[in-house]
Amino acid sequence: MKKLSLLALLLAPALALAQGGPPPGKGPGAMRLFDAATVVTVTGTVTGETRVDRGMGHSGVHLLVKTADGEIPVHLGPDSWVDKQTVKFAKGDDVTVKGSKITFEAKPAILAVTVTKGGATLVVRDAQGNPAWSGQGPGPGPK
């Protein structure tokens, strides 16, 4: 009986993680919300950029994009990675964003897979949502 109880205690955390990832408020921010089934492509105009301190030694870079359905934040990634990329975005740029539509902090947002401006595309994540800066994603730089 002791062995069974010990086994249950050891397996419980692994089973919990397998079921749904980290609990709310834990883990790498919005990245855990990526869902390939919710990938959309939207077009719009950049209205601004915000940098949100996530308390992990970096700020998350979000583009604000005005689409036909309204303004939506587009999560790019950590500033330490975004700032090194050759594709830059500014207010007034027309962009096409492909990414996972999520609810983040009770508001709609998009976790970018790619963001295209003119003929330049910034590849942020692969099709499974692995970020370029993690070493598992599509690799840094424009496509």
C-alpha atoms as a PDB file:
ATOM      1  CA  MET A   1       0.000   0.000   0.000  1.00  0.00           C
ATOM      2  CA  LYS A   2       2.877   2.372   0.800  1.00  0.00           C
ATOM      3  CA  LYS A   3       4.405   1.716  -2.619  1.00  0.00           C
ATOM      4  CA  LEU A   4       1.123   2.523  -4.337  1.00  0.00           C
ATOM      5  CA  SER A   5       0.763   5.811  -2.423  1.00  0.00           C
ATOM      6  CA  LEU A   6       4.355   6.771  -3.199  1.00  0.00           C
ATOM      7  CA  LEU A   7       3.853   5.945  -6.872  1.00  0.00           C
ATOM      8  CA  ALA A   8       0.702   8.086  -6.985  1.00  0.00           C
ATOM      9  CA  LEU A   9       2.558  11.007  -5.398  1.00  0.00           C
ATOM     10  CA  LEU A  10       5.381  10.710  -7.918  1.00  0.00           C
ATOM     11  CA  LEU A  11       3.113  10.412 -10.963  1.00  0.00           C
ATOM     12  CA  ALA A  12       0.576  13.122 -10.072  1.00  0.00           C
ATOM     13  CA  PRO A  13       2.714  16.119 -11.205  1.00  0.00           C
ATOM     14  CA  ALA A  14       3.639  14.410 -14.485  1.00  0.00           C
ATOM     15  CA  LEU A  15       0.017  13.570 -15.221  1.00  0.00           C
ATOM     16  CA  ALA A  16      -1.100  17.113 -14.414  1.00  0.00           C
ATOM     17  CA  LEU A  17       1.468  18.577 -16.812  1.00  0.00           C
ATOM     18  CA  ALA A  18       0.520  16.109 -19.541  1.00  0.00           C
ATOM     19  CA  GLN A  19      -3.144  17.076 -19.235  1.00  0.00           C
ATOM     20  CA  GLY A  20      -2.870  20.795 -19.742  1.00  0.00           C
ATOM     21  CA  GLY A  21       0.570  22.204 -19.266  1.00  0.00           C
ATOM     22  CA  PRO A  22       1.406  24.590 -16.480  1.00  0.00           C
ATOM     23  CA  PRO A  23      -1.342  25.957 -14.285  1.00  0.00           C
ATOM     24  CA  PRO A  24      -2.685  29.470 -14.948  1.00  0.00           C
ATOM     25  CA  GLY A  25      -0.112  32.130 -14.183  1.00  0.00           C
ATOM     26  CA  LYS A  26       2.804  29.719 -14.513  1.00  0.00           C
ATOM     27  CA  GLY A  27       5.076  28.927 -17.408  1.00  0.00           C
ATOM     28  CA  PRO A  28       6.311  31.097 -20.297  1.00  0.00           C
ATOM     29  CA  GLY A  29       3.489  33.623 -20.580  1.00  0.00           C
ATOM     30  CA  ALA A  30       1.186  33.485 -23.584  1.00  0.00           C
ATOM     31  CA  MET A  31       3.314  30.884 -25.390  1.00  0.00           C
ATOM     32  CA  ARG A  32       1.550  28.052 -23.559  1.00  0.00           C
ATOM     33  CA  LEU A  33      -1.744  29.195 -25.130  1.00  0.00           C
ATOM     34  CA  PHE A  34      -0.673  28.533 -28.743  1.00  0.00           C
ATOM     35  CA  ASP A  35      -3.175  26.285 -30.522  1.00  0.00           C
ATOM     36  CA  ALA A  36      -2.578  25.287 -34.149  1.00  0.00           C
ATOM     37  CA  ALA A  37      -6.351  24.799 -34.513  1.00  0.00           C
ATOM     38  CA  THR A  38      -6.938  28.540 -33.968  1.00  0.00           C
ATOM     39  CA  VAL A  39      -4.428  29.840 -36.534  1.00  0.00           C
ATOM     40  CA  VAL A  40      -5.814  32.749 -38.554  1.00  0.00           C
ATOM     41  CA  THR A  41      -4.446  35.176 -41.116  1.00  0.00           C
ATOM     42  CA  VAL A  42      -5.371  38.839 -40.756  1.00  0.00           C
ATOM     43  CA  THR A  43      -4.336  42.003 -42.534  1.00  0.00           C
ATOM     44  CA  GLY A  44      -4.188  45.450 -41.066  1.00  0.00           C
ATOM     45  CA  THR A  45      -2.155  48.490 -40.168  1.00  0.00           C
ATOM     46  CA  VAL A  46       0.286  48.784 -37.288  1.00  0.00           C
ATOM     47  CA  THR A  47      -1.004  51.437 -34.886  1.00  0.00           C
ATOM     48  CA  GLY A  48       1.732  51.042 -32.288  1.00  0.00           C
ATOM     49  CA  GLU A  49       4.018  48.796 -30.313  1.00  0.00           C
ATOM     50  CA  THR A  50       4.010  47.961 -26.624  1.00  0.00           C
ATOM     51  CA  ARG A  51       6.637  46.307 -24.473  1.00  0.00           C
ATOM     52  CA  VAL A  52       5.241  44.432 -21.533  1.00  0.00           C
ATOM     53  CA  ASP A  53       7.500  43.542 -18.600  1.00  0.00           C
ATOM     54  CA  ARG A  54       6.750  39.920 -17.767  1.00  0.00           C
ATOM     55  CA  GLY A  55       9.185  39.764 -14.858  1.00  0.00           C
ATOM     56  CA  MET A  56      11.396  37.207 -16.609  1.00  0.00           C
ATOM     57  CA  GLY A  57      14.333  39.475 -17.405  1.00  0.00           C
ATOM     58  CA  HIS A  58      12.827  40.750 -20.648  1.00  0.00           C
ATOM     59  CA  SER A  59       9.810  42.521 -22.044  1.00  0.00           C
ATOM     60  CA  GLY A  60       7.383  40.967 -24.479  1.00  0.00           C
ATOM     61  CA  VAL A  61       6.988  42.920 -27.729  1.00  0.00           C
ATOM     62  CA  HIS A  62       3.417  43.326 -28.972  1.00  0.00           C
ATOM     63  CA  LEU A  63       2.349  45.070 -32.173  1.00  0.00           C
ATOM     64  CA  LEU A  64      -1.051  46.719 -32.115  1.00  0.00           C
ATOM     65  CA  VAL A  65      -2.704  46.014 -35.460  1.00  0.00           C
ATOM     66  CA  LYS A  66      -5.929  47.612 -36.655  1.00  0.00           C
ATOM     67  CA  THR A  67      -7.908  45.104 -38.724  1.00  0.00           C
ATOM     68  CA  ALA A  68     -11.385  45.231 -40.239  1.00  0.00           C
ATOM     69  CA  ASP A  69     -12.650  43.704 -36.956  1.00  0.00           C
ATOM     70  CA  GLY A  70     -10.873  46.208 -34.692  1.00  0.00           C
ATOM     71  CA  GLU A  71      -7.493  46.574 -33.028  1.00  0.00           C
ATOM     72  CA  ILE A  72      -5.732  43.449 -31.750  1.00  0.00           C
ATOM     73  CA  PRO A  73      -2.386  42.924 -30.029  1.00  0.00           C
ATOM     74  CA  VAL A  74       0.007  40.647 -31.907  1.00  0.00           C
ATOM     75  CA  HIS A  75       2.536  38.975 -29.606  1.00  0.00           C
ATOM     76  CA  LEU A  76       5.937  38.742 -31.284  1.00  0.00           C
ATOM     77  CA  GLY A  77       8.366  37.621 -28.587  1.00  0.00           C
ATOM     78  CA  PRO A  78      10.977  38.818 -26.130  1.00  0.00           C
ATOM     79  CA  ASP A  79      12.607  42.166 -26.854  1.00  0.00           C
ATOM     80  CA  SER A  80      16.061  40.550 -26.714  1.00  0.00           C
ATOM     81  CA  TRP A  81      15.115  38.490 -29.796  1.00  0.00           C
ATOM     82  CA  VAL A  82      12.806  40.932 -31.640  1.00  0.00           C
ATOM     83  CA  ASP A  83      15.317  43.785 -31.501  1.00  0.00           C
ATOM     84  CA  LYS A  84      17.955  41.655 -33.304  1.00  0.00           C
ATOM     85  CA  GLN A  85      15.732  40.906 -36.307  1.00  0.00           C
ATOM     86  CA  THR A  86      16.217  42.652 -39.651  1.00  0.00           C
ATOM     87  CA  VAL A  87      12.476  43.049 -40.298  1.00  0.00           C
ATOM     88  CA  LYS A  88      11.231  46.052 -38.312  1.00  0.00           C
ATOM     89  CA  PHE A  89       7.695  47.372 -37.892  1.00  0.00           C
ATOM     90  CA  ALA A  90       6.517  50.942 -37.402  1.00  0.00           C
ATOM     91  CA  LYS A  91       3.247  52.793 -36.995  1.00  0.00           C
ATOM     92  CA  GLY A  92       1.469  52.954 -40.352  1.00  0.00           C
ATOM     93  CA  ASP A  93       2.972  49.761 -41.793  1.00  0.00           C
ATOM     94  CA  ASP A  94       0.512  47.498 -43.611  1.00  0.00           C
ATOM     95  CA  VAL A  95       1.041  43.932 -42.402  1.00  0.00           C
ATOM     96  CA  THR A  96      -0.288  40.428 -42.825  1.00  0.00           C
ATOM     97  CA  VAL A  97      -0.209  38.393 -39.629  1.00  0.00           C
ATOM     98  CA  LYS A  98      -0.538  34.622 -39.412  1.00  0.00           C
ATOM     99  CA  GLY A  99      -0.899  33.305 -35.877  1.00  0.00           C
ATOM    100  CA  SER A 100      -2.896  31.569 -33.193  1.00  0.00           C
ATOM    101  CA  LYS A 101      -5.892  33.603 -32.039  1.00  0.00           C
ATOM    102  CA  ILE A 102      -6.009  33.382 -28.251  1.00  0.00           C
ATOM    103  CA  THR A 103      -7.508  35.019 -25.210  1.00  0.00           C
ATOM    104  CA  PHE A 104      -4.758  36.549 -23.112  1.00  0.00           C
ATOM    105  CA  GLU A 105      -5.532  38.355 -19.876  1.00  0.00           C
ATOM    106  CA  ALA A 106      -9.254  38.219 -20.795  1.00  0.00           C
ATOM    107  CA  LYS A 107      -8.711  39.950 -24.161  1.00  0.00           C
ATOM    108  CA  PRO A 108      -8.290  38.666 -27.731  1.00  0.00           C
ATOM    109  CA  ALA A 109      -4.738  38.531 -29.067  1.00  0.00           C
ATOM    110  CA  ILE A 110      -2.695  36.729 -31.718  1.00  0.00           C
ATOM    111  CA  LEU A 111       0.503  34.765 -31.097  1.00  0.00           C
ATOM    112  CA  ALA A 112       2.368  35.479 -34.326  1.00  0.00           C
ATOM    113  CA  VAL A 113       3.744  32.693 -36.497  1.00  0.00           C
ATOM    114  CA  THR A 114       4.708  35.116 -39.279  1.00  0.00           C
ATOM    115  CA  VAL A 115       4.340  38.838 -39.847  1.00  0.00           C
ATOM    116  CA  THR A 116       4.782  40.095 -43.413  1.00  0.00           C
ATOM    117  CA  LYS A 117       5.426  43.681 -44.451  1.00  0.00           C
ATOM    118  CA  GLY A 118       5.905  44.286 -48.166  1.00  0.00           C
ATOM    119  CA  GLY A 119       8.164  41.487 -49.378  1.00  0.00           C
ATOM    120  CA  ALA A 120       9.773  40.808 -45.978  1.00  0.00           C
ATOM    121  CA  THR A 121       8.492  38.172 -43.560  1.00  0.00           C
ATOM    122  CA  LEU A 122       9.480  37.811 -39.935  1.00  0.00           C
ATOM    123  CA  VAL A 123       9.183  34.145 -38.914  1.00  0.00           C
ATOM    124  CA  VAL A 124       8.391  34.083 -35.207  1.00  0.00           C
ATOM    125  CA  ARG A 125       7.219  30.517 -34.589  1.00  0.00           C
ATOM    126  CA  ASP A 126       6.895  27.233 -36.424  1.00  0.00           C
ATOM    127  CA  ALA A 127       3.534  25.610 -37.201  1.00  0.00           C
ATOM    128  CA  GLN A 128       3.481  23.905 -33.788  1.00  0.00           C
ATOM    129  CA  GLY A 129       4.066  27.209 -31.973  1.00  0.00           C
ATOM    130  CA  ASN A 130       7.699  26.637 -31.042  1.00  0.00           C
ATOM    131  CA  PRO A 131       9.285  30.096 -30.871  1.00  0.00           C
ATOM    132  CA  ALA A 132      12.343  30.944 -32.946  1.00  0.00           C
ATOM    133  CA  TRP A 133      14.219  32.180 -29.870  1.00  0.00           C
ATOM    134  CA  SER A 134      13.852  28.827 -28.068  1.00  0.00           C
ATOM    135  CA  GLY A 135      16.146  26.909 -30.397  1.00  0.00           C
ATOM    136  CA  GLN A 136      13.221  24.645 -31.365  1.00  0.00           C
ATOM    137  CA  GLY A 137      11.444  27.009 -33.730  1.00  0.00           C
ATOM    138  CA  PRO A 138      12.031  28.081 -37.335  1.00  0.00           C
ATOM    139  CA  GLY A 139      15.263  29.984 -36.682  1.00  0.00           C
ATOM    140  CA  PRO A 140      15.946  33.695 -36.455  1.00  0.00           C
ATOM    141  CA  GLY A 141      15.609  36.285 -39.140  1.00  0.00           C
ATOM    142  CA  PRO A 142      13.388  36.990 -42.092  1.00  0.00           C
ATOM    143  CA  LYS A 143      12.187  34.399 -44.522  1.00  0.00           C
END
